[in-house]
């Protein structure tokens, strides 16, 4: 029997209140997700739809953060699908625009936005951007080269000039936590049955724990919300032992209210929270705050 992935493992914690529970479901504003759910749309079809949308709305002329919001909202209604990256065989790039989890939603949206801004939105360019974002240094070199921990994802993508970590400059507090979730739960990850792969993940955790991080505490978020921009990528920090970030999504503003565009497990589709970001976090005791990564304008 296949062991569950990290995302699947977190999903199983939901009844205990340890994983993300969605805010109230938002009504889909576009029908794309429903078409995908019926299996009538391929990844190539969806990519063409996104490029056509970008052309109609002249998105390339806008800041990349605005393109992120436009692409992210175009996925509203797309089904939540867990552990799509956990495929048999050697580690390889997985592309799935038909079903998304919280991390692949962010990665897919950001890759699309960068392609549109660069004026290269063909399939090969999209795959290149997705690989750049998903893997350490943009290179696939086994299971441990995938950026499994989202604080590590932020660090690596800042180094690649894909995002800028804004958390500390916004007044974030030190996030003092030892990250060991994967090595502490090796039975939950089939590849970790291989001692060499487990050693690689342990080395990733050790390097991650050697770096400093900050987070915006949810108790202080009301006074800091004005510094968060639409299109910022928000990783929700957690009190779950050994884990850095429990959920990811994108900041959007609706009538001046900061909300969260995300792919939640409990509601089963991409949506925008009806509640504000602060209210959303307040609903979940184990969610402690956010890290903020701002997309950087890509350079050809």
Foldseek 3Di string as FASTA:
>chain_A
DAFADPQVVLVVCVVVLAFADAFDFDDQPDCPQVCLVVVNAAPQRVLVVLLVVCVVVVVLVDFLLVQLLVLLSNFFNQFADPPQLPDDDWRDDDDDSRHHAFVVSNLQSLLQSQCSNVVHSHPVSSSQSSLCQQFQNSDRDTDLRGPPAVVSSLVRCVVVQFWDWCQVVLPFDKDQAQACVCLVCVSNHVVVVPVVVSVSNVVVSVVVNVDIDTFHFLVCCVVRVVVFDFSKKKFFQFPPHNGGGRGIFTWDADPNATWTFGHDPNVGGTGIRPDGPSVSQVVRVGGTGITIIHGGNDDD
